[in-house]
Amino acid sequence: MRPLKLLHVTPYYEEAWGYGGIPRVASALCQALSSRGHRVCVTTSDARDGSARVAGGGRWSPWLATGSGGVQVHLFPNLSNRLAFRRQFFVPLGLRAFLRESLGGFDLVHVHGHHHLLSVLATRAALRAGVPYVITPNGLVPRDEGQRLAKWAFDTALGGHVLRGAARVTAVTEAERAELLSWGLAPERLRLLPNPLELEAFTTPGPPGALRAAIGGGFRQVVLYLGTLIPQKGVDVLIRALAALEPDVALAVAGPDLGGGALARRAVAELGLESRVFFLGRIEGSARAGLLADADLVAYPGRAESFGLVPLEALVCGTPVVVGDDSGCGELIRAVGGGRLVPPGQVEALSEALRDVLGAPERWRGEALQAALRVRERFGPDAVAAQAEAIYAELVP
């Protein structure tokens, strides 16, 4: 297709390691689209994590930066970084004026995530300017996980038009597609667009031993959980499952605490597992690949996971996985292989799956390596960007 001028809108981008997977998938897609000849601009906030902003700009004024892959990034400072991190309440100063002045010059707008003010401002501006927009909610449409009242108020007072006005809404898995249909979206407006993986980050994970160096001790095997700590992720269930395994198996928990850390730590104290469970905090950049490659098993047993980047990243590193089977994450692992699926919340089933994979390391490492080939083929950035282009071509002559 002809080169397009694309505006991608996301509340956090590239350096925002404290916000889970959306910054990584937005960055990977934007870079791939840029490499395919499109002019890609990103509007985002300066959110980085709960205590820091993205470096390089002023506290009260927007600034322009060049992101990876030649993507032009317009950063808008949040009114309150604390509110942005704790409550997902982003108030990007200066964004409204930028959109009013600039949006008409774009061929198409692509919004990432849902229930944030950037999406409201961008989609209103797109509708006024007659510019089509695509939205990728990435599992954030339902109100059944955290901030339920706030999400209802958002939809009622501010964002009711966001999904209604979208020319296309993309689902990252068939499970999310079914969920969006249940919310009343017309099937002709829905398209499947998986999340891309930043494969280069996992090509050279670095020297082995990073995980065991982080936890110390003489453990025979190490299970890794890598991701945000929220109740939905089931880290407390994973800790209870660990208690049924041999005492020379440890669990490393890596990721920012977004409300589930206290629950996990209570489970550790209740079961007396302080010597076997290690909380490593947020892990950034290439260090993630080192942990994933070093683990004997990566566990991701949460519920209602619309996609699940971490298990796919683990497979790329050659590490088998155990995941919850109730939503999109289970759908993906069922398709590519390399791991076991378990019903979320069931401690005994999770213990059995962990024991099975840990008990046959050579077999499961081989399964993971075979699955990695399929992951690279299906979720490489260029392959996903080509699918995005096909969706854009439906909307832009």
Protein backbone atom coordinates (compact mmCIF):
# COMPACT_ATOMS: atom_id res chain seq x y z
CA MET A 1 0.00 0.00 0.00
CA ARG A 2 1.02 3.63 -0.35
CA PRO A 3 2.96 5.21 2.54
CA LEU A 4 0.60 6.62 5.15
CA LYS A 5 0.93 9.31 7.79
CA LEU A 6 -0.15 7.50 10.94
CA LEU A 7 -0.83 8.84 14.42
CA HIS A 8 -0.61 6.26 17.20
CA VAL A 9 -2.09 7.27 20.55
CA THR A 10 -1.08 5.49 23.76
CA PRO A 11 -0.95 6.67 27.38
CA TYR A 12 2.56 5.20 27.80
CA TYR A 13 5.31 4.23 25.39
CA GLU A 14 8.69 2.53 25.04
CA GLU A 15 10.41 3.48 28.32
CA ALA A 16 7.31 2.99 30.50
CA TRP A 17 8.36 -0.35 32.01
CA GLY A 18 6.08 0.12 34.99
CA TYR A 19 2.93 -0.17 32.88
CA GLY A 20 2.97 -3.74 31.59
CA GLY A 21 2.83 -4.85 27.97
CA ILE A 22 1.05 -2.09 26.02
CA PRO A 23 4.12 0.21 25.84
CA ARG A 24 6.15 -2.66 24.37
CA VAL A 25 3.59 -3.75 21.77
CA ALA A 26 2.83 -0.16 20.71
CA SER A 27 6.53 0.50 20.26
CA ALA A 28 7.13 -2.73 18.33
CA LEU A 29 4.23 -2.07 15.96
CA CYS A 30 5.16 1.57 15.38
CA GLN A 31 8.78 0.71 14.60
CA ALA A 32 7.72 -2.05 12.20
CA LEU A 33 5.29 0.25 10.40
CA SER A 34 8.02 2.89 10.12
CA SER A 35 10.41 0.33 8.64
CA ARG A 36 7.76 -0.52 6.04
CA GLY A 37 7.81 3.08 4.76
CA HIS A 38 5.05 4.78 6.73
CA ARG A 39 5.49 8.06 8.58
CA VAL A 40 4.61 7.17 12.15
CA CYS A 41 3.99 9.70 14.90
CA VAL A 42 3.15 8.76 18.50
CA THR A 43 1.34 10.94 21.01
CA THR A 44 1.82 9.75 24.56
CA SER A 45 2.33 10.97 28.10
CA ASP A 46 5.60 11.22 29.99
CA ALA A 47 4.59 8.33 32.26
CA ARG A 48 7.42 5.95 33.12
CA ASP A 49 6.47 4.41 36.47
CA GLY A 50 5.12 5.40 39.88
CA SER A 51 8.04 7.63 40.81
CA ALA A 52 9.65 8.82 37.57
CA ARG A 53 8.78 10.43 34.29
CA VAL A 54 10.39 9.87 30.92
CA ALA A 55 13.54 11.97 30.88
CA GLY A 56 14.18 14.78 28.45
CA GLY A 57 11.38 17.28 28.70
CA GLY A 58 9.92 20.04 30.80
CA ARG A 59 7.56 19.52 33.70
CA TRP A 60 4.74 21.58 32.22
CA SER A 61 5.25 21.62 28.46
CA PRO A 62 5.18 18.99 25.69
CA TRP A 63 8.29 18.02 23.82
CA LEU A 64 9.28 16.14 20.70
CA ALA A 65 11.65 13.17 20.69
CA THR A 66 12.82 10.54 18.24
CA GLY A 67 12.02 7.05 19.45
CA SER A 68 13.52 3.78 18.32
CA GLY A 69 13.15 2.96 14.64
CA GLY A 70 12.84 6.60 13.60
CA VAL A 71 9.36 7.03 15.08
CA GLN A 72 8.47 10.64 15.95
CA VAL A 73 7.25 10.79 19.56
CA HIS A 74 5.29 13.72 21.00
CA LEU A 75 5.36 13.51 24.80
CA PHE A 76 2.84 15.39 26.93
CA PRO A 77 3.47 15.77 30.69
CA ASN A 78 0.91 14.31 33.04
CA LEU A 79 -0.72 16.66 35.49
CA SER A 80 -0.01 14.07 38.22
CA ASN A 81 2.38 11.20 37.70
CA ARG A 82 1.13 9.54 40.90
CA LEU A 83 -2.50 9.57 39.73
CA ALA A 84 -1.41 8.25 36.36
CA PHE A 85 0.35 5.27 37.91
CA ARG A 86 -1.98 4.44 40.79
CA ARG A 87 -5.34 5.28 39.21
CA GLN A 88 -4.62 5.21 35.46
CA PHE A 89 -5.75 8.85 35.47
CA PHE A 90 -3.75 10.48 32.69
CA VAL A 91 -4.13 14.23 32.10
CA PRO A 92 -1.72 15.04 29.24
CA LEU A 93 -1.07 18.77 29.29
CA GLY A 94 -1.07 20.29 25.82
CA LEU A 95 -2.49 17.29 23.94
CA ARG A 96 -5.83 18.90 23.10
CA ALA A 97 -4.12 21.84 21.37
CA PHE A 98 -1.76 19.55 19.47
CA LEU A 99 -4.63 17.45 18.16
CA ARG A 100 -6.64 20.51 17.17
CA GLU A 101 -3.75 21.85 15.14
CA SER A 102 -2.27 18.64 13.72
CA LEU A 103 -4.73 15.79 13.45
CA GLY A 104 -6.17 16.80 10.09
CA GLY A 105 -2.78 16.11 8.51
CA PHE A 106 -2.88 12.38 9.31
CA ASP A 107 -4.41 9.64 7.19
CA LEU A 108 -5.42 7.46 10.13
CA VAL A 109 -5.32 7.31 13.94
CA HIS A 110 -4.60 4.13 15.89
CA VAL A 111 -5.47 4.16 19.61
CA HIS A 112 -3.93 1.68 22.05
CA GLY A 113 -5.69 0.70 25.27
CA HIS A 114 -9.00 1.95 26.61
CA HIS A 115 -10.46 4.01 29.46
CA HIS A 116 -7.87 6.77 29.27
CA LEU A 117 -8.22 10.48 28.50
CA LEU A 118 -5.82 10.40 25.55
CA SER A 119 -8.23 8.11 23.71
CA VAL A 120 -11.14 10.46 24.42
CA LEU A 121 -9.30 13.53 23.16
CA ALA A 122 -7.84 11.81 20.09
CA THR A 123 -11.06 10.13 18.98
CA ARG A 124 -13.14 13.28 19.43
CA ALA A 125 -10.61 15.19 17.35
CA ALA A 126 -10.58 12.44 14.70
CA LEU A 127 -14.36 12.45 14.43
CA ARG A 128 -14.39 16.25 14.03
CA ALA A 129 -11.65 16.12 11.39
CA GLY A 130 -13.17 13.20 9.49
CA VAL A 131 -10.08 11.05 10.02
CA PRO A 132 -10.82 7.32 10.53
CA TYR A 133 -9.50 5.68 13.65
CA VAL A 134 -8.73 2.16 14.79
CA ILE A 135 -8.72 1.15 18.44
CA THR A 136 -6.89 -1.80 20.00
CA PRO A 137 -8.32 -2.12 23.54
CA ASN A 138 -5.93 -4.93 24.50
CA GLY A 139 -8.33 -6.49 26.98
CA LEU A 140 -9.26 -3.25 28.72
CA VAL A 141 -12.92 -2.92 27.66
CA PRO A 142 -14.50 -4.98 30.49
CA ARG A 143 -15.16 -3.32 33.83
CA ASP A 144 -14.76 -6.50 35.88
CA GLU A 145 -11.15 -5.91 36.97
CA GLY A 146 -10.32 -3.02 39.29
CA GLN A 147 -11.61 0.57 39.09
CA ARG A 148 -15.05 -0.78 38.16
CA LEU A 149 -16.93 2.33 39.23
CA ALA A 150 -14.34 4.61 37.65
CA LYS A 151 -14.58 2.74 34.34
CA TRP A 152 -18.38 2.97 34.40
CA ALA A 153 -18.18 6.70 35.07
CA PHE A 154 -15.62 7.08 32.29
CA ASP A 155 -17.82 5.30 29.76
CA THR A 156 -20.88 7.25 30.86
CA ALA A 157 -19.42 10.74 31.07
CA LEU A 158 -16.47 10.80 28.68
CA GLY A 159 -15.71 7.77 26.57
CA GLY A 160 -18.98 6.35 25.35
CA HIS A 161 -18.15 7.40 21.81
CA VAL A 162 -14.67 5.82 21.70
CA LEU A 163 -15.76 2.36 20.61
CA ARG A 164 -18.92 3.53 18.82
CA GLY A 165 -17.02 5.89 16.55
CA ALA A 166 -14.17 3.55 15.65
CA ALA A 167 -13.95 2.53 12.02
CA ARG A 168 -12.33 -0.70 13.19
CA VAL A 169 -11.81 -2.30 16.61
CA THR A 170 -9.06 -4.89 16.74
CA ALA A 171 -8.95 -7.91 19.05
CA VAL A 172 -5.63 -9.48 19.95
CA THR A 173 -7.13 -13.01 20.17
CA GLU A 174 -10.32 -14.81 19.26
CA ALA A 175 -11.18 -14.81 22.97
CA GLU A 176 -11.11 -11.02 23.05
CA ARG A 177 -13.05 -10.90 19.80
CA ALA A 178 -15.85 -12.95 21.39
CA GLU A 179 -15.78 -10.66 24.42
CA LEU A 180 -16.09 -7.56 22.26
CA LEU A 181 -19.01 -9.11 20.39
CA SER A 182 -20.70 -9.71 23.74
CA TRP A 183 -20.40 -5.98 24.41
CA GLY A 184 -22.45 -5.28 21.31
CA LEU A 185 -19.77 -4.39 18.77
CA ALA A 186 -20.83 -5.14 15.21
CA PRO A 187 -18.84 -8.07 13.78
CA GLU A 188 -18.16 -6.22 10.52
CA ARG A 189 -16.14 -3.62 12.47
CA LEU A 190 -14.02 -6.18 14.32
CA ARG A 191 -10.67 -7.45 13.07
CA LEU A 192 -8.05 -9.74 14.55
CA LEU A 193 -4.64 -8.11 15.11
CA PRO A 194 -2.25 -9.93 17.47
CA ASN A 195 0.32 -8.15 19.55
CA PRO A 196 3.85 -8.08 18.11
CA LEU A 197 6.90 -9.19 20.06
CA GLU A 198 10.11 -7.19 20.19
CA LEU A 199 12.11 -10.18 18.98
CA GLU A 200 15.47 -8.43 18.87
CA ALA A 201 15.38 -7.99 22.65
CA PHE A 202 15.25 -11.78 23.08
CA THR A 203 17.78 -12.80 20.46
CA THR A 204 20.82 -12.32 22.71
CA PRO A 205 19.66 -12.67 26.33
CA GLY A 206 23.18 -12.23 27.69
CA PRO A 207 25.36 -14.52 29.81
CA PRO A 208 23.52 -17.23 31.76
CA GLY A 209 23.10 -17.19 35.51
CA ALA A 210 21.28 -13.88 36.00
CA LEU A 211 18.26 -15.43 37.70
CA ARG A 212 20.16 -17.58 40.15
CA ALA A 213 22.50 -14.71 40.90
CA ALA A 214 19.45 -12.61 41.76
CA ILE A 215 17.95 -15.12 44.21
CA GLY A 216 21.09 -16.82 45.57
CA GLY A 217 20.91 -20.17 47.31
CA GLY A 218 21.41 -23.68 46.01
CA PHE A 219 18.06 -24.36 44.40
CA ARG A 220 17.79 -27.19 41.92
CA GLN A 221 15.11 -25.47 39.81
CA VAL A 222 13.59 -22.00 39.61
CA VAL A 223 10.08 -21.03 38.53
CA LEU A 224 9.71 -17.44 37.29
CA TYR A 225 6.71 -15.14 37.26
CA LEU A 226 7.38 -11.97 35.24
CA GLY A 227 4.66 -9.35 34.99
CA THR A 228 2.67 -6.78 36.90
CA LEU A 229 1.48 -7.72 40.38
CA ILE A 230 -2.29 -7.39 40.34
CA PRO A 231 -4.81 -9.86 41.84
CA GLN A 232 -5.93 -10.98 38.37
CA LYS A 233 -2.46 -12.44 37.68
CA GLY A 234 -2.83 -15.15 40.36
CA VAL A 235 0.62 -14.79 41.93
CA ASP A 236 -0.82 -15.77 45.32
CA VAL A 237 -2.21 -18.96 43.76
CA LEU A 238 1.21 -19.67 42.25
CA ILE A 239 2.82 -19.29 45.69
CA ARG A 240 0.35 -21.77 47.17
CA ALA A 241 1.09 -24.20 44.34
CA LEU A 242 4.82 -23.87 45.04
CA ALA A 243 4.26 -25.09 48.59
CA ALA A 244 3.32 -28.53 47.22
CA LEU A 245 6.59 -28.87 45.29
CA GLU A 246 9.94 -30.12 46.52
CA PRO A 247 11.78 -27.70 48.84
CA ASP A 248 14.66 -27.27 46.39
CA VAL A 249 12.36 -25.50 43.90
CA ALA A 250 12.26 -21.70 44.24
CA LEU A 251 9.94 -19.04 42.85
CA ALA A 252 11.15 -15.65 41.59
CA VAL A 253 8.50 -12.93 41.22
CA ALA A 254 9.58 -10.03 39.01
CA GLY A 255 7.46 -7.01 38.17
CA PRO A 256 5.98 -3.76 39.48
CA ASP A 257 3.42 -3.92 42.29
CA LEU A 258 0.13 -2.51 41.00
CA GLY A 259 -2.02 -3.75 43.87
CA GLY A 260 -1.39 -7.49 44.13
CA GLY A 261 1.88 -7.48 46.04
CA ALA A 262 0.37 -7.50 49.53
CA LEU A 263 -1.80 -10.52 48.69
CA ALA A 264 1.22 -12.42 47.40
CA ARG A 265 3.38 -11.56 50.41
CA ARG A 266 0.63 -12.64 52.80
CA ALA A 267 0.56 -16.03 51.08
CA VAL A 268 4.33 -16.33 51.52
CA ALA A 269 4.12 -15.50 55.23
CA GLU A 270 1.14 -17.78 55.81
CA LEU A 271 2.92 -20.75 54.25
CA GLY A 272 6.36 -20.00 55.67
CA LEU A 273 7.96 -19.78 52.21
CA GLU A 274 10.21 -16.78 52.83
CA SER A 275 13.30 -18.84 51.99
CA ARG A 276 11.88 -20.01 48.63
CA VAL A 277 10.02 -16.99 47.20
CA PHE A 278 11.96 -13.94 46.02
CA PHE A 279 10.48 -10.60 44.97
CA LEU A 280 12.81 -8.97 42.45
CA GLY A 281 10.86 -5.80 41.64
CA ARG A 282 10.54 -4.33 38.15
CA ILE A 283 12.92 -5.71 35.53
CA GLU A 284 13.65 -3.64 32.42
CA GLY A 285 15.10 -4.06 28.96
CA SER A 286 17.48 -6.87 28.12
CA ALA A 287 17.54 -8.03 31.75
CA ARG A 288 14.09 -9.53 31.15
CA ALA A 289 15.46 -11.84 28.47
CA GLY A 290 18.20 -12.99 30.84
CA LEU A 291 15.68 -13.99 33.51
CA LEU A 292 13.37 -15.72 31.04
CA ALA A 293 16.23 -17.73 29.53
CA ASP A 294 17.60 -18.75 32.94
CA ALA A 295 14.29 -19.97 34.39
CA ASP A 296 13.44 -23.66 34.32
CA LEU A 297 9.79 -22.72 33.87
CA VAL A 298 7.79 -19.50 33.44
CA ALA A 299 4.39 -19.51 35.14
CA TYR A 300 1.65 -17.11 34.08
CA PRO A 301 -1.48 -18.54 35.73
CA GLY A 302 -3.77 -15.50 35.76
CA ARG A 303 -7.35 -15.25 34.63
CA ALA A 304 -8.98 -13.26 31.82
CA GLU A 305 -5.62 -12.63 30.14
CA SER A 306 -6.56 -11.33 26.69
CA PHE A 307 -3.12 -12.03 25.22
CA GLY A 308 -0.13 -12.58 27.49
CA LEU A 309 3.19 -11.36 26.08
CA VAL A 310 5.41 -12.92 28.73
CA PRO A 311 4.69 -16.60 27.92
CA LEU A 312 5.46 -15.98 24.24
CA GLU A 313 8.65 -14.15 25.18
CA ALA A 314 9.62 -17.09 27.39
CA LEU A 315 9.14 -19.51 24.51
CA VAL A 316 11.34 -17.35 22.28
CA CYS A 317 14.01 -17.78 24.97
CA GLY A 318 13.50 -21.56 24.93
CA THR A 319 11.76 -21.78 28.30
CA PRO A 320 8.53 -23.78 28.73
CA VAL A 321 5.46 -22.19 30.29
CA VAL A 322 2.38 -22.91 32.38
CA VAL A 323 -0.55 -20.53 31.74
CA GLY A 324 -4.19 -20.02 32.61
CA ASP A 325 -6.51 -21.53 30.01
CA ASP A 326 -9.65 -19.39 30.33
CA SER A 327 -8.91 -16.67 27.79
CA GLY A 328 -6.58 -15.45 25.06
CA CYS A 329 -3.31 -16.50 26.71
CA GLY A 330 -4.42 -20.12 26.83
CA GLU A 331 -5.67 -19.85 23.25
CA LEU A 332 -2.21 -18.80 22.07
CA ILE A 333 -0.24 -21.46 23.97
CA ARG A 334 -2.69 -24.10 22.79
CA ALA A 335 -1.91 -22.99 19.23
CA VAL A 336 1.89 -22.73 19.41
CA GLY A 337 2.66 -25.38 22.07
CA GLY A 338 5.52 -25.30 24.52
CA GLY A 339 3.61 -25.47 27.77
CA ARG A 340 0.75 -26.64 29.97
CA LEU A 341 -2.64 -25.02 30.47
CA VAL A 342 -4.44 -24.92 33.82
CA PRO A 343 -7.76 -23.57 35.09
CA PRO A 344 -7.03 -20.25 36.85
CA GLY A 345 -7.35 -20.27 40.62
CA GLN A 346 -6.99 -24.03 41.08
CA VAL A 347 -3.95 -24.65 43.28
CA GLU A 348 -3.82 -28.44 42.89
CA ALA A 349 -4.07 -28.31 39.10
CA LEU A 350 -1.34 -25.69 38.97
CA SER A 351 0.93 -27.73 41.27
CA GLU A 352 0.46 -30.78 39.08
CA ALA A 353 1.31 -28.85 35.92
CA LEU A 354 4.42 -27.30 37.47
CA ARG A 355 5.56 -30.71 38.68
CA ASP A 356 5.00 -32.24 35.22
CA VAL A 357 7.07 -29.64 33.38
CA LEU A 358 9.83 -29.50 35.98
CA GLY A 359 9.98 -33.29 36.06
CA ALA A 360 10.76 -33.62 32.33
CA PRO A 361 13.06 -30.67 31.56
CA GLU A 362 14.59 -32.02 28.33
CA ARG A 363 11.22 -32.87 26.82
CA TRP A 364 9.71 -29.48 27.67
CA ARG A 365 12.77 -27.50 26.59
CA GLY A 366 12.47 -29.22 23.23
CA GLU A 367 8.76 -28.36 23.06
CA ALA A 368 9.56 -24.73 23.86
CA LEU A 369 12.19 -24.48 21.14
CA GLN A 370 9.75 -25.84 18.56
CA ALA A 371 7.08 -23.43 19.77
CA ALA A 372 9.55 -20.55 19.47
CA LEU A 373 9.66 -21.05 15.70
CA ARG A 374 5.90 -20.69 15.47
CA VAL A 375 5.93 -17.65 17.79
CA ARG A 376 8.51 -15.87 15.66
CA GLU A 377 6.53 -16.56 12.50
CA ARG A 378 3.15 -15.45 13.87
CA PHE A 379 4.08 -12.59 16.19
CA GLY A 380 7.17 -11.02 14.67
CA PRO A 381 6.75 -7.22 14.30
CA ASP A 382 6.88 -7.22 10.51
CA ALA A 383 4.25 -9.95 10.23
CA VAL A 384 1.90 -8.08 12.57
CA ALA A 385 2.57 -4.76 10.82
CA ALA A 386 1.53 -6.35 7.53
CA GLN A 387 -1.78 -7.34 9.12
CA ALA A 388 -2.21 -3.81 10.46
CA GLU A 389 -1.63 -2.46 6.95
CA ALA A 390 -4.39 -4.69 5.60
CA ILE A 391 -6.79 -3.20 8.15
CA TYR A 392 -5.68 0.35 7.36
CA ALA A 393 -6.14 -0.32 3.63
CA GLU A 394 -9.85 -0.96 4.27
CA LEU A 395 -10.18 2.62 5.56
CA VAL A 396 -7.72 4.74 3.60
CA PRO A 397 -7.95 4.89 -0.21
